[in-house]
Protein backbone atom coordinates (compact mmCIF):
# COMPACT_ATOMS: atom_id res chain seq x y z
CA MET A 1 19.26 -51.25 35.49
CA GLU A 2 19.10 -54.02 38.09
CA ILE A 3 18.53 -54.29 41.81
CA ASP A 4 20.92 -54.37 45.00
CA ARG A 5 20.75 -57.87 45.66
CA ASP A 6 22.77 -57.27 49.08
CA ALA A 7 21.08 -54.06 49.87
CA PRO A 8 19.35 -54.66 53.65
CA ALA A 9 15.25 -55.19 52.44
CA VAL A 10 15.36 -56.57 48.95
CA GLY A 11 12.16 -57.92 48.17
CA SER A 12 9.60 -59.34 45.18
CA SER A 13 6.18 -60.41 43.26
CA GLU A 14 4.84 -61.90 40.95
CA ILE A 15 1.37 -62.66 39.17
CA GLU A 16 -0.01 -63.36 35.63
CA ILE A 17 -2.55 -60.58 34.51
CA ALA A 18 -5.56 -61.75 31.79
CA ALA A 19 -4.70 -58.33 29.93
CA GLY A 20 -2.07 -57.86 27.34
CA PRO A 21 1.06 -55.97 28.24
CA ASP A 22 0.61 -53.05 26.81
CA VAL A 23 -3.32 -53.50 28.75
CA VAL A 24 -0.50 -53.06 31.95
CA TRP A 25 1.89 -51.13 30.70
CA ASP A 26 -0.50 -47.94 30.43
CA VAL A 27 -1.96 -48.80 34.03
CA LEU A 28 1.33 -48.99 35.25
CA ALA A 29 3.00 -45.85 33.57
CA ASP A 30 -0.13 -43.73 34.04
CA VAL A 31 2.05 -42.55 37.39
CA GLU A 32 -1.29 -40.06 38.32
CA ARG A 33 -3.72 -42.07 38.44
CA TRP A 34 -2.68 -44.71 41.07
CA PRO A 35 -4.55 -43.45 43.43
CA ASP A 36 -7.11 -44.42 42.00
CA TRP A 37 -6.70 -48.30 42.36
CA ASN A 38 -3.21 -49.39 44.95
CA SER A 39 -4.58 -47.62 47.85
CA ASP A 40 -1.42 -47.83 49.62
CA VAL A 41 -0.57 -44.76 47.10
CA LYS A 42 -2.53 -41.49 48.74
CA SER A 43 -1.01 -38.78 45.36
CA VAL A 44 1.41 -38.67 42.51
CA SER A 45 2.68 -35.35 40.95
CA VAL A 46 4.38 -35.77 37.93
CA SER A 47 4.78 -33.27 35.44
CA GLU A 48 5.35 -35.16 31.47
CA PRO A 49 4.79 -38.47 30.12
CA LEU A 50 7.26 -41.35 31.43
CA ALA A 51 10.64 -41.58 29.84
CA PRO A 52 14.47 -41.87 31.77
CA GLY A 53 15.42 -39.11 33.72
CA VAL A 54 11.26 -38.11 34.55
CA GLU A 55 10.88 -37.24 38.29
CA PHE A 56 7.69 -37.84 39.83
CA THR A 57 6.15 -37.41 43.93
CA TRP A 58 4.62 -39.64 45.42
CA LYS A 59 2.91 -40.35 48.70
CA SER A 60 2.58 -44.85 50.33
CA GLY A 61 2.07 -44.37 54.16
CA PRO A 62 4.00 -41.69 55.63
CA ALA A 63 5.90 -41.49 53.74
CA THR A 64 7.30 -38.51 50.73
CA ILE A 65 8.74 -40.62 47.33
CA THR A 66 10.72 -38.40 44.77
CA SER A 67 11.33 -40.90 42.22
CA THR A 68 13.65 -41.34 39.18
CA VAL A 69 12.76 -42.72 35.83
CA GLN A 70 15.59 -45.16 34.57
CA SER A 71 14.33 -47.38 32.29
CA ALA A 72 10.06 -47.25 30.27
CA ASP A 73 11.19 -49.65 27.85
CA ARG A 74 7.00 -49.87 26.46
CA PRO A 75 5.48 -52.85 26.90
CA GLU A 76 8.67 -54.55 28.87
CA MET A 77 10.75 -52.64 31.48
CA LEU A 78 10.04 -49.53 33.76
CA THR A 79 12.12 -49.00 36.48
CA TRP A 80 13.00 -46.21 38.95
CA THR A 81 14.90 -45.26 41.51
CA GLY A 82 14.03 -43.34 44.34
CA ARG A 83 14.25 -41.93 47.90
CA ALA A 84 12.79 -40.68 50.87
CA THR A 85 13.74 -39.66 54.59
CA GLY A 86 17.28 -42.14 55.38
CA THR A 87 16.34 -44.85 52.45
CA ARG A 88 16.85 -45.29 48.83
CA ALA A 89 15.69 -47.76 46.64
CA ILE A 90 15.38 -49.40 43.08
CA HIS A 91 12.37 -50.57 41.56
CA THR A 92 11.92 -52.53 38.65
CA TRP A 93 8.64 -54.40 36.88
CA ARG A 94 8.82 -56.32 33.85
CA PHE A 95 6.06 -57.07 31.57
CA GLU A 96 5.89 -60.81 29.16
CA ASP A 97 3.76 -61.62 26.84
CA GLN A 98 2.23 -65.32 26.74
CA GLY A 99 -0.65 -64.99 24.11
CA GLY A 100 -3.39 -63.35 25.50
CA THR A 101 -2.50 -62.58 29.65
CA THR A 102 1.28 -60.92 30.87
CA SER A 103 3.69 -61.85 33.41
CA VAL A 104 4.47 -59.77 35.55
CA ARG A 105 7.34 -59.27 37.71
CA THR A 106 8.48 -56.99 40.02
CA GLU A 107 11.55 -56.31 42.41
CA GLU A 108 12.39 -53.09 44.11
CA SER A 109 15.40 -53.27 47.13
CA MET A 110 15.99 -50.39 49.96
CA ASP A 111 19.16 -49.09 52.00
CA GLY A 112 19.86 -46.20 53.42
CA TRP A 113 20.27 -45.53 57.73
CA LEU A 114 16.49 -45.80 58.12
CA VAL A 115 16.18 -48.94 56.64
CA ARG A 116 19.15 -50.61 57.99
CA LEU A 117 18.03 -49.34 61.55
CA MET A 118 14.21 -50.73 60.77
CA ARG A 119 15.60 -54.09 58.80
CA GLY A 120 13.21 -56.02 59.63
CA ARG A 121 9.70 -53.90 60.19
CA VAL A 122 11.13 -52.64 56.26
CA GLN A 123 11.76 -55.85 54.97
CA LYS A 124 8.19 -57.45 56.03
CA VAL A 125 6.41 -53.88 54.54
CA LEU A 126 8.54 -53.64 51.35
CA GLN A 127 6.93 -57.57 50.56
CA ALA A 128 3.46 -56.42 51.28
CA GLY A 129 3.45 -53.61 50.08
CA LEU A 130 5.25 -55.57 46.68
CA ASP A 131 2.36 -58.43 46.92
CA ASP A 132 -0.57 -55.54 47.22
CA SER A 133 1.15 -53.61 44.53
CA VAL A 134 0.55 -57.11 42.09
CA ALA A 135 -2.81 -57.43 43.20
CA ASN A 136 -3.70 -54.15 42.68
CA LEU A 137 -2.54 -54.34 39.30
CA LYS A 138 -3.73 -56.92 38.27
CA ALA A 139 -7.35 -56.26 38.83
CA GLU A 140 -7.39 -52.41 37.23
CA ALA A 141 -5.67 -54.15 34.50
CA GLU A 142 -8.14 -56.87 34.19
CA ARG A 143 -10.87 -54.68 34.68
CA ARG A 144 -10.24 -52.29 31.63
CA ALA A 145 -9.09 -55.41 29.60
CA ARG A 146 -12.64 -56.60 29.81
CA ASP A 147 -14.42 -52.67 29.52
CA GLN A 148 -11.90 -52.78 26.15
CA GLY A 149 -13.44 -56.30 25.19
CA GLN A 150 -16.62 -55.20 26.05
CA ARG A 151 -16.30 -51.83 23.66
CA PHE A 152 -14.26 -53.17 20.76
CA GLY A 153 -15.78 -57.05 21.09
CA GLY A 154 -18.53 -58.50 22.55
CA SER A 155 -21.42 -55.30 22.97
CA GLU A 156 -20.72 -54.32 18.95
CA ARG A 157 -21.82 -58.40 17.82
CA ALA A 158 -25.49 -58.45 19.63
């Protein structure tokens, strides 16, 4: 699934993460722990592991969003659609193994009466949210990769 490039609000962000795609995937796919590492997310409720068709509800800022997983191709892509009052969104995450690091690209499109009414503000909030999300994902994935490296490598060689 691709985002709607003709939607009133469209954003994207990219980052290089010093961790393998499996680590990055594990951080992002564990949606219940998003509030632990992403300050924009206040709460998440999900009843099963992410797979196509699974719904999860989460609170970000003033919005409560109900999202449905569209694709969950570990460790390359995670896509969901979301809806909140006056808003519909398509969000994609792509992970590319760079041999020791992971290139991450996220994109989102938003449409709906509220988005059209507040287009400029929504665009700014969307872009800032995507930039914050990739930065927060980077920090958490790199922290976990370091922890795993110490546990499975460095500390055992002493």
